Amino acid sequence: MFVAMGLQALFGRCTTLRCQASDIGYLDYVVVPFEKLSLPTKVEVETTAANDVHVLIGIESHSGLELVVNGGAEKASCLRWVRSAPASKTSEAWSMRREIMCVPYVAEGRIPDEEGFSWKSFSISLDLDGLILVQFPDAEFGNFLPEEPLNILTRRKDLTISIGTFYKFESKWSVCLGDAEKLSKRV
């Protein structure tokens, strides 16, 4: 109900919120209001954003593992390592990204709700050994996070989840923390 109405609400391990579209060329992430996290972690997402759907697991909203769903001209789904810093009195803002992998997968929405919004569902998990797994209702892909980024994330006990989109309309989001304990016990 809260999600469909586009209201912001926090229910323990789940939250609903709205996200404004960012200007082309600059992604303004919204931090999801969870307690600080550490690895392993799993994030389950539903959104009405049609394209350029971004989820960042990392340090505040500027550095970490980024999943882009239906991104760019190819509408591919990509995993990236991103780092950035805002402008300060002594330096300009900067950013860099390193592609981990892209797959030619386009996430399709479910049947539209009563307001005409088509919702996409997916999850992303990151385990202590660096295994990244992205799951959609009809597909999944994964890879290992390179050693340097993995070392940065495993040392942190204050990771955050951030969301954002370049999609031209305001989007609705539901973000939940999945069962990360199962990740480390896989065979």
Protein backbone atom coordinates (compact mmCIF):
# COMPACT_ATOMS: atom_id res chain seq x y z
CA MET A 1 0.00 0.00 0.00
CA PHE A 2 2.73 2.51 1.00
CA VAL A 3 4.77 1.67 -2.09
CA ALA A 4 1.86 2.06 -4.50
CA MET A 5 1.00 5.42 -2.95
CA GLY A 6 4.61 6.58 -3.25
CA LEU A 7 4.90 7.35 0.46
CA GLN A 8 8.15 7.16 2.37
CA ALA A 9 7.99 4.65 5.20
CA LEU A 10 10.51 2.49 7.07
CA PHE A 11 9.53 -0.97 8.31
CA GLY A 12 12.58 -2.54 9.97
CA ARG A 13 14.34 -4.19 7.02
CA CYS A 14 12.22 -2.54 4.28
CA THR A 15 11.58 1.01 3.21
CA THR A 16 9.52 2.76 0.56
CA LEU A 17 10.50 6.07 -0.95
CA ARG A 18 10.33 8.33 -3.99
CA CYS A 19 13.30 9.37 -6.08
CA GLN A 20 13.49 12.46 -8.27
CA ALA A 21 15.14 12.14 -11.67
CA SER A 22 18.70 13.50 -11.88
CA ASP A 23 19.97 15.82 -14.56
CA ILE A 24 21.78 14.19 -17.46
CA GLY A 25 25.45 13.90 -16.59
CA TYR A 26 25.08 14.01 -12.82
CA LEU A 27 23.46 11.31 -10.70
CA ASP A 28 22.14 12.53 -7.37
CA TYR A 29 21.85 9.44 -5.19
CA VAL A 30 19.33 9.14 -2.37
CA VAL A 31 20.56 7.27 0.73
CA VAL A 32 18.14 4.56 1.84
CA PRO A 33 17.50 5.13 5.58
CA PHE A 34 18.78 1.81 6.98
CA GLU A 35 21.18 1.27 9.84
CA LYS A 36 24.78 1.06 8.68
CA LEU A 37 25.64 -2.27 7.04
CA SER A 38 28.60 -4.57 6.55
CA LEU A 39 29.24 -7.54 4.27
CA PRO A 40 27.71 -9.93 3.46
CA THR A 41 24.60 -8.07 2.31
CA LYS A 42 21.64 -8.59 0.01
CA VAL A 43 19.39 -5.82 -1.29
CA GLU A 44 15.97 -6.53 -2.82
CA VAL A 45 14.56 -3.74 -5.00
CA GLU A 46 11.30 -2.89 -6.74
CA THR A 47 10.98 0.36 -8.70
CA THR A 48 8.88 2.15 -11.28
CA ALA A 49 11.95 3.77 -12.87
CA ALA A 50 12.02 2.47 -16.44
CA ASN A 51 15.65 3.15 -17.39
CA ASP A 52 19.00 4.02 -15.84
CA VAL A 53 18.13 2.46 -12.50
CA HIS A 54 21.13 2.75 -10.12
CA VAL A 55 21.75 0.99 -6.79
CA LEU A 56 24.99 1.64 -4.90
CA ILE A 57 26.26 -0.49 -2.00
CA GLY A 58 29.13 1.43 -0.50
CA ILE A 59 30.47 4.37 1.41
CA GLU A 60 27.83 7.06 1.74
CA SER A 61 26.60 7.90 -1.77
CA HIS A 62 29.94 8.33 -3.45
CA SER A 63 31.96 5.11 -3.59
CA GLY A 64 31.10 1.44 -3.90
CA LEU A 65 29.60 -1.32 -5.98
CA GLU A 66 27.05 0.08 -8.42
CA LEU A 67 24.40 -1.90 -10.29
CA VAL A 68 22.89 -0.12 -13.28
CA VAL A 69 19.73 -1.70 -14.71
CA ASN A 70 18.58 -0.75 -18.23
CA GLY A 71 21.39 1.78 -18.46
CA GLY A 72 22.81 3.76 -21.33
CA ALA A 73 21.94 3.64 -25.00
CA GLU A 74 22.29 -0.16 -25.04
CA LYS A 75 19.89 -0.56 -22.11
CA ALA A 76 22.28 -3.12 -20.61
CA SER A 77 22.62 -4.12 -16.96
CA CYS A 78 26.09 -3.40 -15.58
CA LEU A 79 28.15 -3.81 -12.43
CA ARG A 80 30.72 -1.07 -11.72
CA TRP A 81 33.13 0.02 -9.04
CA VAL A 82 32.67 3.79 -8.59
CA ARG A 83 34.53 6.36 -6.52
CA SER A 84 33.88 10.07 -6.24
CA ALA A 85 34.20 13.06 -3.95
CA PRO A 86 32.25 16.32 -3.79
CA ALA A 87 33.89 19.67 -4.39
CA SER A 88 35.59 21.28 -1.41
CA LYS A 89 37.35 24.57 -0.73
CA THR A 90 40.62 23.09 -1.96
CA SER A 91 39.56 20.76 -4.79
CA GLU A 92 37.00 20.23 -7.51
CA ALA A 93 34.52 17.36 -7.50
CA TRP A 94 35.78 14.19 -9.18
CA SER A 95 34.55 10.73 -10.08
CA MET A 96 35.79 7.54 -11.72
CA ARG A 97 34.26 4.21 -12.54
CA ARG A 98 35.56 0.79 -13.48
CA GLU A 99 33.32 -1.62 -15.36
CA ILE A 100 33.21 -5.06 -13.76
CA MET A 101 30.79 -6.56 -16.27
CA CYS A 102 27.81 -5.71 -18.48
CA VAL A 103 25.19 -8.07 -19.84
CA PRO A 104 22.71 -7.32 -22.63
CA TYR A 105 19.75 -7.80 -20.31
CA VAL A 106 16.76 -5.46 -20.20
CA ALA A 107 14.56 -5.76 -17.11
CA GLU A 108 10.90 -5.73 -18.07
CA GLY A 109 8.25 -4.45 -15.70
CA ARG A 110 5.34 -6.44 -14.42
CA ILE A 111 1.74 -5.72 -15.36
CA PRO A 112 1.09 -2.04 -14.58
CA ASP A 113 -0.62 -1.17 -11.30
CA GLU A 114 -3.84 0.86 -11.05
CA GLU A 115 -1.91 4.10 -11.67
CA GLY A 116 -0.22 2.70 -14.78
CA PHE A 117 3.22 2.20 -13.21
CA SER A 118 5.12 -0.88 -14.33
CA TRP A 119 7.30 -2.24 -11.50
CA LYS A 120 10.70 -3.89 -11.99
CA SER A 121 12.05 -6.35 -9.40
CA PHE A 122 15.64 -7.45 -8.82
CA SER A 123 18.16 -8.15 -6.08
CA ILE A 124 21.88 -7.70 -5.67
CA SER A 125 24.00 -9.54 -3.13
CA LEU A 126 27.66 -9.17 -2.20
CA ASP A 127 29.37 -11.87 -0.14
CA LEU A 128 32.55 -11.75 1.95
CA ASP A 129 34.53 -13.55 -0.77
CA GLY A 130 33.52 -10.87 -3.30
CA LEU A 131 30.86 -12.87 -5.14
CA ILE A 132 28.30 -10.49 -6.63
CA LEU A 133 24.98 -12.01 -7.67
CA VAL A 134 22.26 -10.05 -9.48
CA GLN A 135 18.88 -11.76 -9.78
CA PHE A 136 15.82 -10.81 -11.83
CA PRO A 137 12.57 -12.81 -11.96
CA ASP A 138 13.67 -14.41 -15.25
CA ALA A 139 17.50 -14.16 -15.26
CA GLU A 140 20.60 -13.86 -13.10
CA PHE A 141 24.25 -13.00 -13.56
CA GLY A 142 27.26 -12.58 -11.34
CA ASN A 143 30.98 -12.06 -11.02
CA PHE A 144 33.61 -11.44 -8.38
CA LEU A 145 34.47 -7.96 -7.14
CA PRO A 146 38.17 -7.20 -7.76
CA GLU A 147 40.46 -7.46 -4.72
CA GLU A 148 41.11 -3.75 -4.08
CA PRO A 149 37.41 -2.71 -3.96
CA LEU A 150 36.57 -5.83 -1.95
CA ASN A 151 39.20 -4.93 0.66
CA ILE A 152 37.76 -1.43 0.96
CA LEU A 153 34.20 -2.70 1.48
CA THR A 154 35.02 -5.61 3.83
CA ARG A 155 36.88 -3.28 6.24
CA ARG A 156 33.87 -0.99 6.58
CA LYS A 157 31.07 -1.46 9.12
CA ASP A 158 29.23 1.65 7.95
CA LEU A 159 28.13 0.78 4.42
CA THR A 160 25.02 2.39 3.00
CA ILE A 161 22.60 1.65 0.19
CA SER A 162 21.82 4.47 -2.21
CA ILE A 163 19.45 4.68 -5.18
CA GLY A 164 19.10 7.01 -8.13
CA THR A 165 17.90 7.34 -11.69
CA PHE A 166 18.32 9.49 -14.79
CA TYR A 167 14.81 8.42 -15.83
CA LYS A 168 12.83 11.55 -16.67
CA PHE A 169 9.99 11.02 -14.19
CA GLU A 170 9.85 10.70 -10.42
CA SER A 171 10.02 7.02 -9.48
CA LYS A 172 8.70 4.94 -6.62
CA TRP A 173 10.97 2.46 -4.83
CA SER A 174 10.73 -0.38 -2.35
CA VAL A 175 14.10 -1.46 -0.92
CA CYS A 176 14.52 -4.37 1.51
CA LEU A 177 17.47 -6.06 3.13
CA GLY A 178 17.48 -9.74 2.22
CA ASP A 179 18.80 -12.67 4.24
CA ALA A 180 22.58 -12.18 3.98
CA GLU A 181 23.35 -15.02 6.40
CA LYS A 182 22.52 -17.55 3.67
CA LEU A 183 25.14 -16.01 1.39
CA SER A 184 28.16 -17.07 3.45
CA LYS A 185 26.79 -20.58 3.91
CA ARG A 186 26.41 -21.45 0.22
CA VAL A 187 27.97 -24.65 -1.05
